Amino acid sequence: MASNMDKQSILQKTAEYIQQEFSGDSSGHDWHHIARVRQNARRICAREGGDSFVVELSALLHDLDDWKFNDHEDDTPRKAEAWMQACGVEEEIARRVCRVIASVSYKGAGEKNQIESLEGCIVQDADRLDAIGAIGIGRAFAYGGYKNRPMYDPNSPPKLHATFEEYKSSKSATINHFYEKLLLLKERMNTAAAKELAEERHEFMLQFLEQFMKEWGNADELGNL
C-alpha cells in the first residue's frame, strides 16, 4: 500500500500531467476547471468523509477520458488507467478511481445516476458545482462557442433527453443547456455539503436567465420595427 508520501507524490505528478494535457483547452474543461473540481472535492470530503486519496485522484483525472473529447465506445477510462499504472497506483485503488471516473458525467435528464461509492458522489458533486453559478454560466457559453452552437434560438425549445444517446447527439443552443441540465443539478447533488453549496449558484443562474430573456425580448421588439 502506498504511503502518505507516495500518495502526495502521485497527486503532484498527476496534477502536473493534467495541467499539461489541458493547457490549450478553450471549451471550459481546462486545467482551472479541474483544479476547482479538486478543491470542491476536498471541501466536500472534509465534511462527508471518504478516502481523500481516491477523491483527489479521481477529481484530477475525471475529464481525461470524457466522452466529449474522446471517441470511446464505452465508459472505460483508458488514459486514466494507463496513467495510474505508470505511477504505480495500487491496483484496487486504481479500480476504485476508474469506477468513479466512468460514472461521474451527466448523461441526460432521463438517465439514472450510476454512482455507487461515497467517493464517486463527492467527485460528481464537485464537478457539478463547477457547472452552475457564475463560472458555470461562463463555461456553458465557452463550450457552446467551442461547438459552434448559437447562444439562443427561440424556435428551438429545450428537451429533457430520455437517453444518453439523445443527450450526446444534441446540438441545441446554449440557453437550452440550462433547462436540459444546469438547472436540474441542484436537486441531483448527492451530498448534504454540495446541496448547500449549490443553493446560491442555482439562484444566480435563475437571475441570469431572467435578465437574458428580458434583454433578448427588447432586442426582438427593436428587430420587428
Foldseek 3Di string as FASTA:
>chain_A
DDDPVLLVVLLVVLLVVQQVVQVPDQLLPHSVLLVQLLVQLVVQCVVPPDDNSLLNLLSSCLCVPPVVPDVDPALQSVVSLVSCVVSVPDPVSSVSSRQLSSQLDDQFQQDDRPDDDPSSLSSSLSSLLCCFAPNVVVSLVSNLVVLVEAQDDPVDAADGDNGSVCVVPDRHHSVSCCVTPNLPVLVVRDDPVSVVSVPVRNVNVVVVVVVVVVVVVVVVVVVVD
